[in-house]
Structures are given as C-alpha cells and as structure tokens.
N, C-alpha and C. Protein backbone atom coordinates (compact mmCIF):
# COMPACT_ATOMS: atom_id res chain seq x y z
N MET A 1 -25.93 -24.74 -25.04
CA MET A 1 -24.52 -24.58 -25.33
C MET A 1 -24.16 -23.11 -25.46
N ARG A 2 -25.00 -22.38 -26.16
CA ARG A 2 -24.75 -20.96 -26.38
C ARG A 2 -24.81 -20.19 -25.06
N GLU A 3 -25.72 -20.57 -24.17
CA GLU A 3 -25.87 -19.89 -22.89
C GLU A 3 -24.63 -20.06 -22.01
N ASN A 4 -23.98 -21.21 -22.07
CA ASN A 4 -22.77 -21.43 -21.28
C ASN A 4 -21.65 -20.50 -21.73
N LYS A 5 -21.53 -20.28 -23.04
CA LYS A 5 -20.51 -19.39 -23.55
C LYS A 5 -20.76 -17.96 -23.10
N ILE A 6 -22.01 -17.54 -23.13
CA ILE A 6 -22.35 -16.19 -22.69
C ILE A 6 -22.05 -16.03 -21.21
N LYS A 7 -22.37 -17.04 -20.41
CA LYS A 7 -22.11 -16.99 -18.97
C LYS A 7 -20.61 -16.92 -18.70
N LYS A 8 -19.82 -17.70 -19.44
CA LYS A 8 -18.37 -17.67 -19.26
C LYS A 8 -17.81 -16.30 -19.61
N ASN A 9 -18.30 -15.68 -20.66
CA ASN A 9 -17.84 -14.35 -21.04
C ASN A 9 -18.18 -13.33 -19.98
N LYS A 10 -19.35 -13.44 -19.36
CA LYS A 10 -19.72 -12.52 -18.29
C LYS A 10 -18.80 -12.68 -17.09
N ASP A 11 -18.43 -13.92 -16.76
CA ASP A 11 -17.51 -14.17 -15.64
C ASP A 11 -16.15 -13.55 -15.93
N LYS A 12 -15.69 -13.64 -17.15
CA LYS A 12 -14.40 -13.06 -17.52
C LYS A 12 -14.44 -11.54 -17.39
N ASP A 13 -15.57 -10.92 -17.77
CA ASP A 13 -15.69 -9.48 -17.69
C ASP A 13 -15.60 -8.99 -16.25
N LYS A 14 -16.13 -9.76 -15.28
CA LYS A 14 -16.10 -9.34 -13.88
C LYS A 14 -14.67 -9.23 -13.37
N SER A 15 -13.87 -10.25 -13.60
CA SER A 15 -12.49 -10.21 -13.10
C SER A 15 -11.64 -9.25 -13.92
N GLY A 16 -11.90 -9.17 -15.21
CA GLY A 16 -11.13 -8.26 -16.06
C GLY A 16 -11.37 -6.81 -15.69
N GLY A 17 -12.61 -6.48 -15.31
CA GLY A 17 -12.92 -5.11 -14.92
C GLY A 17 -12.18 -4.72 -13.65
N ARG A 18 -12.07 -5.66 -12.72
CA ARG A 18 -11.36 -5.40 -11.48
C ARG A 18 -9.89 -5.13 -11.76
N VAL A 19 -9.32 -5.93 -12.63
CA VAL A 19 -7.90 -5.74 -12.99
C VAL A 19 -7.70 -4.40 -13.67
N LYS A 20 -8.62 -4.04 -14.55
CA LYS A 20 -8.50 -2.76 -15.25
C LYS A 20 -8.58 -1.60 -14.27
N ARG A 21 -9.45 -1.69 -13.26
CA ARG A 21 -9.55 -0.61 -12.26
C ARG A 21 -8.26 -0.50 -11.47
N TRP A 22 -7.71 -1.65 -11.05
CA TRP A 22 -6.45 -1.61 -10.30
C TRP A 22 -5.34 -1.03 -11.18
N ARG A 23 -5.31 -1.43 -12.44
CA ARG A 23 -4.27 -0.94 -13.35
C ARG A 23 -4.41 0.57 -13.53
N ARG A 24 -5.65 1.05 -13.70
CA ARG A 24 -5.85 2.50 -13.84
C ARG A 24 -5.41 3.25 -12.60
N GLY A 25 -5.73 2.71 -11.43
CA GLY A 25 -5.31 3.35 -10.19
C GLY A 25 -3.81 3.38 -10.05
N PHE A 26 -3.15 2.28 -10.43
CA PHE A 26 -1.70 2.22 -10.35
C PHE A 26 -1.06 3.22 -11.31
N VAL A 27 -1.58 3.31 -12.52
CA VAL A 27 -1.05 4.26 -13.50
C VAL A 27 -1.27 5.69 -13.02
N ALA A 28 -2.44 5.96 -12.44
CA ALA A 28 -2.71 7.30 -11.92
C ALA A 28 -1.73 7.66 -10.80
N ALA A 29 -1.44 6.71 -9.93
CA ALA A 29 -0.48 6.97 -8.85
C ALA A 29 0.91 7.24 -9.42
N GLN A 30 1.30 6.49 -10.44
CA GLN A 30 2.60 6.73 -11.07
C GLN A 30 2.66 8.11 -11.69
N VAL A 31 1.59 8.53 -12.34
CA VAL A 31 1.56 9.85 -12.96
C VAL A 31 1.70 10.94 -11.90
N VAL A 32 1.00 10.78 -10.79
CA VAL A 32 1.09 11.78 -9.72
C VAL A 32 2.52 11.87 -9.19
N VAL A 33 3.16 10.72 -8.99
CA VAL A 33 4.53 10.72 -8.49
C VAL A 33 5.47 11.34 -9.51
N MET A 34 5.31 10.99 -10.77
CA MET A 34 6.23 11.51 -11.79
C MET A 34 6.05 13.01 -12.00
N VAL A 35 4.81 13.49 -11.95
CA VAL A 35 4.58 14.93 -12.11
C VAL A 35 5.17 15.69 -10.92
N GLY A 36 4.94 15.18 -9.72
CA GLY A 36 5.52 15.84 -8.55
C GLY A 36 7.03 15.82 -8.57
N ALA A 37 7.61 14.70 -8.98
CA ALA A 37 9.07 14.60 -9.04
C ALA A 37 9.63 15.48 -10.14
N SER A 38 8.95 15.55 -11.29
CA SER A 38 9.48 16.37 -12.38
C SER A 38 9.46 17.84 -11.98
N ASN A 39 8.45 18.26 -11.24
CA ASN A 39 8.42 19.65 -10.77
C ASN A 39 9.58 19.93 -9.82
N ALA A 40 9.91 18.97 -8.97
CA ALA A 40 11.00 19.16 -8.03
C ALA A 40 12.35 19.14 -8.75
N TRP A 41 12.52 18.24 -9.72
CA TRP A 41 13.80 18.14 -10.41
C TRP A 41 14.02 19.27 -11.40
N ALA A 42 12.95 19.90 -11.83
CA ALA A 42 13.10 20.96 -12.81
C ALA A 42 13.44 22.30 -12.17
N ALA A 43 13.51 22.34 -10.86
CA ALA A 43 13.77 23.60 -10.18
C ALA A 43 15.21 24.05 -10.43
N PRO A 44 15.40 25.33 -10.70
CA PRO A 44 16.75 25.83 -10.97
C PRO A 44 17.54 26.07 -9.68
N GLY A 45 18.85 26.00 -9.79
CA GLY A 45 19.73 26.36 -8.68
C GLY A 45 19.80 25.30 -7.59
N ASP A 46 20.31 25.72 -6.43
CA ASP A 46 20.50 24.83 -5.29
C ASP A 46 19.18 24.45 -4.62
N ASP A 47 18.15 25.19 -4.91
CA ASP A 47 16.86 24.93 -4.28
C ASP A 47 16.23 23.64 -4.79
N GLY A 48 16.69 23.14 -5.94
CA GLY A 48 16.14 21.93 -6.53
C GLY A 48 16.32 20.72 -5.63
N MET A 49 17.49 20.55 -5.04
CA MET A 49 17.73 19.39 -4.17
C MET A 49 16.87 19.47 -2.91
N ALA A 50 16.66 20.66 -2.42
CA ALA A 50 15.80 20.82 -1.25
C ALA A 50 14.36 20.41 -1.58
N GLN A 51 13.93 20.72 -2.80
CA GLN A 51 12.58 20.34 -3.20
C GLN A 51 12.47 18.83 -3.39
N VAL A 52 13.52 18.20 -3.91
CA VAL A 52 13.52 16.74 -4.05
C VAL A 52 13.46 16.09 -2.68
N LYS A 53 14.25 16.59 -1.73
CA LYS A 53 14.22 16.05 -0.37
C LYS A 53 12.84 16.23 0.25
N SER A 54 12.26 17.40 0.06
CA SER A 54 10.94 17.68 0.61
C SER A 54 9.89 16.76 0.00
N PHE A 55 9.96 16.58 -1.30
CA PHE A 55 9.01 15.69 -1.98
C PHE A 55 9.15 14.26 -1.48
N ALA A 56 10.39 13.77 -1.35
CA ALA A 56 10.62 12.40 -0.89
C ALA A 56 10.10 12.22 0.54
N ASN A 57 10.36 13.21 1.39
CA ASN A 57 9.88 13.12 2.77
C ASN A 57 8.35 13.13 2.83
N ASN A 58 7.73 14.02 2.06
CA ASN A 58 6.27 14.10 2.07
C ASN A 58 5.65 12.81 1.55
N LEU A 59 6.20 12.28 0.46
CA LEU A 59 5.67 11.05 -0.11
C LEU A 59 5.84 9.89 0.87
N ALA A 60 7.00 9.80 1.51
CA ALA A 60 7.23 8.74 2.49
C ALA A 60 6.28 8.88 3.68
N ASN A 61 6.03 10.10 4.11
CA ASN A 61 5.10 10.31 5.22
C ASN A 61 3.68 9.85 4.87
N TYR A 62 3.21 10.21 3.68
CA TYR A 62 1.86 9.81 3.27
C TYR A 62 1.75 8.29 3.15
N VAL A 63 2.71 7.68 2.48
CA VAL A 63 2.67 6.23 2.27
C VAL A 63 2.76 5.50 3.61
N THR A 64 3.62 5.97 4.49
CA THR A 64 3.76 5.34 5.80
C THR A 64 2.48 5.48 6.62
N ALA A 65 1.86 6.64 6.56
CA ALA A 65 0.61 6.85 7.31
C ALA A 65 -0.48 5.92 6.81
N ILE A 66 -0.59 5.77 5.50
CA ILE A 66 -1.63 4.89 4.95
C ILE A 66 -1.33 3.44 5.30
N ALA A 67 -0.07 3.01 5.11
CA ALA A 67 0.29 1.62 5.39
C ALA A 67 0.13 1.29 6.88
N ALA A 68 0.53 2.21 7.74
CA ALA A 68 0.40 1.98 9.18
C ALA A 68 -1.06 1.94 9.59
N SER A 69 -1.88 2.78 8.99
CA SER A 69 -3.32 2.76 9.30
C SER A 69 -3.96 1.44 8.90
N VAL A 70 -3.61 0.95 7.72
CA VAL A 70 -4.15 -0.34 7.26
C VAL A 70 -3.67 -1.46 8.17
N ALA A 71 -2.39 -1.44 8.55
CA ALA A 71 -1.86 -2.49 9.43
C ALA A 71 -2.56 -2.48 10.79
N VAL A 72 -2.77 -1.32 11.35
CA VAL A 72 -3.46 -1.23 12.64
C VAL A 72 -4.91 -1.70 12.51
N LEU A 73 -5.55 -1.38 11.39
CA LEU A 73 -6.90 -1.87 11.15
C LEU A 73 -6.93 -3.40 11.11
N PHE A 74 -5.97 -4.01 10.42
CA PHE A 74 -5.93 -5.47 10.35
C PHE A 74 -5.58 -6.08 11.70
N ILE A 75 -4.76 -5.41 12.49
CA ILE A 75 -4.48 -5.90 13.84
C ILE A 75 -5.77 -5.90 14.66
N ALA A 76 -6.55 -4.84 14.55
CA ALA A 76 -7.81 -4.77 15.30
C ALA A 76 -8.79 -5.85 14.82
N ILE A 77 -8.91 -6.02 13.51
CA ILE A 77 -9.83 -7.02 12.97
C ILE A 77 -9.44 -8.42 13.44
N ASN A 78 -8.15 -8.74 13.34
CA ASN A 78 -7.71 -10.08 13.76
C ASN A 78 -7.76 -10.25 15.27
N GLY A 79 -7.62 -9.18 16.01
CA GLY A 79 -7.79 -9.26 17.45
C GLY A 79 -9.22 -9.63 17.82
N VAL A 80 -10.17 -9.03 17.12
CA VAL A 80 -11.58 -9.36 17.34
C VAL A 80 -11.85 -10.80 16.91
N LYS A 81 -11.27 -11.22 15.79
CA LYS A 81 -11.44 -12.61 15.34
C LYS A 81 -10.91 -13.59 16.38
N TYR A 82 -9.75 -13.26 16.96
CA TYR A 82 -9.15 -14.14 17.96
C TYR A 82 -10.02 -14.20 19.21
N THR A 83 -10.55 -13.05 19.60
CA THR A 83 -11.39 -12.99 20.79
C THR A 83 -12.69 -13.77 20.61
N THR A 84 -13.24 -13.70 19.42
CA THR A 84 -14.52 -14.36 19.16
C THR A 84 -14.36 -15.76 18.56
N ALA A 85 -13.16 -16.32 18.59
CA ALA A 85 -12.93 -17.65 18.02
C ALA A 85 -13.68 -18.73 18.78
N GLY A 86 -13.98 -18.50 20.02
CA GLY A 86 -14.76 -19.44 20.80
C GLY A 86 -14.08 -20.76 21.06
N GLY A 87 -12.78 -20.75 21.17
CA GLY A 87 -12.06 -21.98 21.48
C GLY A 87 -11.77 -22.86 20.27
N SER A 88 -12.15 -22.43 19.09
CA SER A 88 -11.88 -23.21 17.88
C SER A 88 -10.41 -23.04 17.50
N PRO A 89 -9.62 -24.13 17.54
CA PRO A 89 -8.20 -24.00 17.25
C PRO A 89 -7.91 -23.49 15.84
N SER A 90 -8.71 -23.87 14.86
CA SER A 90 -8.45 -23.42 13.49
C SER A 90 -8.71 -21.92 13.34
N ARG A 91 -9.78 -21.43 13.97
CA ARG A 91 -10.07 -20.00 13.90
C ARG A 91 -9.04 -19.20 14.69
N GLN A 92 -8.57 -19.73 15.83
CA GLN A 92 -7.54 -19.04 16.60
C GLN A 92 -6.24 -18.97 15.80
N LEU A 93 -5.89 -20.07 15.13
CA LEU A 93 -4.67 -20.09 14.34
C LEU A 93 -4.76 -19.10 13.18
N GLU A 94 -5.92 -19.05 12.54
CA GLU A 94 -6.12 -18.10 11.44
C GLU A 94 -5.96 -16.66 11.94
N ALA A 95 -6.53 -16.35 13.09
CA ALA A 95 -6.43 -15.00 13.66
C ALA A 95 -4.99 -14.69 14.07
N LYS A 96 -4.30 -15.68 14.66
CA LYS A 96 -2.90 -15.46 15.04
C LYS A 96 -2.04 -15.18 13.82
N ASN A 97 -2.26 -15.95 12.75
CA ASN A 97 -1.50 -15.72 11.52
C ASN A 97 -1.77 -14.33 10.96
N GLY A 98 -3.03 -13.89 11.04
CA GLY A 98 -3.37 -12.54 10.60
C GLY A 98 -2.70 -11.47 11.45
N LEU A 99 -2.63 -11.71 12.76
CA LEU A 99 -1.95 -10.76 13.65
C LEU A 99 -0.46 -10.67 13.34
N VAL A 100 0.16 -11.82 13.10
CA VAL A 100 1.59 -11.82 12.77
C VAL A 100 1.84 -11.10 11.44
N ALA A 101 0.99 -11.36 10.45
CA ALA A 101 1.15 -10.71 9.15
C ALA A 101 0.94 -9.20 9.25
N ALA A 102 -0.06 -8.78 10.02
CA ALA A 102 -0.31 -7.35 10.19
C ALA A 102 0.83 -6.68 10.95
N GLY A 103 1.35 -7.36 11.96
CA GLY A 103 2.50 -6.82 12.69
C GLY A 103 3.72 -6.70 11.80
N ALA A 104 3.94 -7.70 10.95
CA ALA A 104 5.07 -7.64 10.02
C ALA A 104 4.88 -6.49 9.03
N GLY A 105 3.65 -6.31 8.56
CA GLY A 105 3.39 -5.19 7.65
C GLY A 105 3.63 -3.85 8.31
N LEU A 106 3.25 -3.72 9.56
CA LEU A 106 3.50 -2.48 10.29
C LEU A 106 4.99 -2.24 10.46
N ALA A 107 5.73 -3.30 10.79
CA ALA A 107 7.18 -3.16 10.95
C ALA A 107 7.85 -2.77 9.63
N ILE A 108 7.40 -3.37 8.53
CA ILE A 108 7.96 -3.04 7.22
C ILE A 108 7.66 -1.58 6.86
N ALA A 109 6.44 -1.14 7.11
CA ALA A 109 6.07 0.24 6.79
C ALA A 109 6.90 1.24 7.58
N LEU A 110 7.09 0.96 8.86
CA LEU A 110 7.87 1.90 9.68
C LEU A 110 9.35 1.86 9.34
N SER A 111 9.89 0.67 9.04
CA SER A 111 11.30 0.60 8.69
C SER A 111 11.55 1.22 7.32
N ALA A 112 10.57 1.12 6.40
CA ALA A 112 10.73 1.76 5.10
C ALA A 112 10.82 3.28 5.27
N ARG A 113 10.04 3.82 6.18
CA ARG A 113 10.11 5.27 6.44
C ARG A 113 11.47 5.66 6.98
N VAL A 114 12.02 4.83 7.85
CA VAL A 114 13.35 5.11 8.40
C VAL A 114 14.40 5.06 7.29
N ILE A 115 14.29 4.09 6.40
CA ILE A 115 15.26 3.96 5.30
C ILE A 115 15.17 5.16 4.38
N VAL A 116 13.96 5.61 4.04
CA VAL A 116 13.81 6.79 3.20
C VAL A 116 14.41 8.01 3.90
N GLY A 117 14.19 8.13 5.19
CA GLY A 117 14.78 9.24 5.94
C GLY A 117 16.30 9.23 5.91
N LEU A 118 16.89 8.04 6.02
CA LEU A 118 18.35 7.94 5.96
C LEU A 118 18.89 8.30 4.57
N VAL A 119 18.20 7.86 3.53
CA VAL A 119 18.64 8.18 2.17
C VAL A 119 18.51 9.67 1.90
N VAL A 120 17.41 10.26 2.32
CA VAL A 120 17.21 11.70 2.11
C VAL A 120 18.25 12.50 2.87
N SER A 121 18.58 12.09 4.09
CA SER A 121 19.58 12.83 4.85
C SER A 121 20.99 12.66 4.27
N ALA A 122 21.20 11.57 3.53
CA ALA A 122 22.51 11.36 2.90
C ALA A 122 22.67 12.19 1.62
N LEU A 123 21.58 12.65 1.03
CA LEU A 123 21.68 13.47 -0.17
C LEU A 123 22.31 14.82 0.17
N GLN A 124 23.10 15.29 -0.73
CA GLN A 124 23.76 16.58 -0.46
C GLN A 124 23.21 17.67 -1.33
C-alpha cells in the first residue's frame, strides 16, 4: 500500500516539473519583452515612438521566423509520414491532418506579421 502512494507521488512530480519548466520559460519571455518595451517607452522626446516601432518590428520578425520555421519543419515531417504511409488510410489521414494544421499555422504566423506591420505603420 505504501509503495503505491510513493509511486503516485513520483508520477505527479514528473508532470509537475514539466509544467514548472514551461511556466519558468513563459515568465522569462515575459520579462524579456517587458524590459525591452520599458527601455523603448522610457526614451525621451520624439525618438521614443521610433524605438517602440523598432522594438515591435524586431519582436514580430523574431516570432514570425521561429513560428514559420516550426511550421515548415512540421510540413516536412508530415510529408515524410504521408510518403511512408504505405497505403494505410489511417496513417495517410493522420499525415494529411498534420499537413493541414501545419499549413494553417504557417498562414497564421505570416498573417500575424502582416497585422503587426499594419499596426506599427499606423502609429504616429
């Protein structure tokens, strides 16, 4: 009985550690964004808005590059899965669904960059 409780606690620690790592990474990303933004907003004079625009463009470029790279990677992986499905309808369907999802992710990433560009150009 005691061994089952210990085993259950170990299982909880595995998933909890993963969540804690993701949470730490998310908080670190927020801190980086807030520090960069605070430096841009704290700039005196008319140059401050130019720094905000520059920061927004740079951040959008980095995020778009990462998202597009991941989407292209998933397109390649699912393309290989589709090619090696060997005529299995379930495996082909799984690969097709993955291709559609990766294509949608790529479209969202690119359209998000366009939207950020439009908002930045609208700032005065």
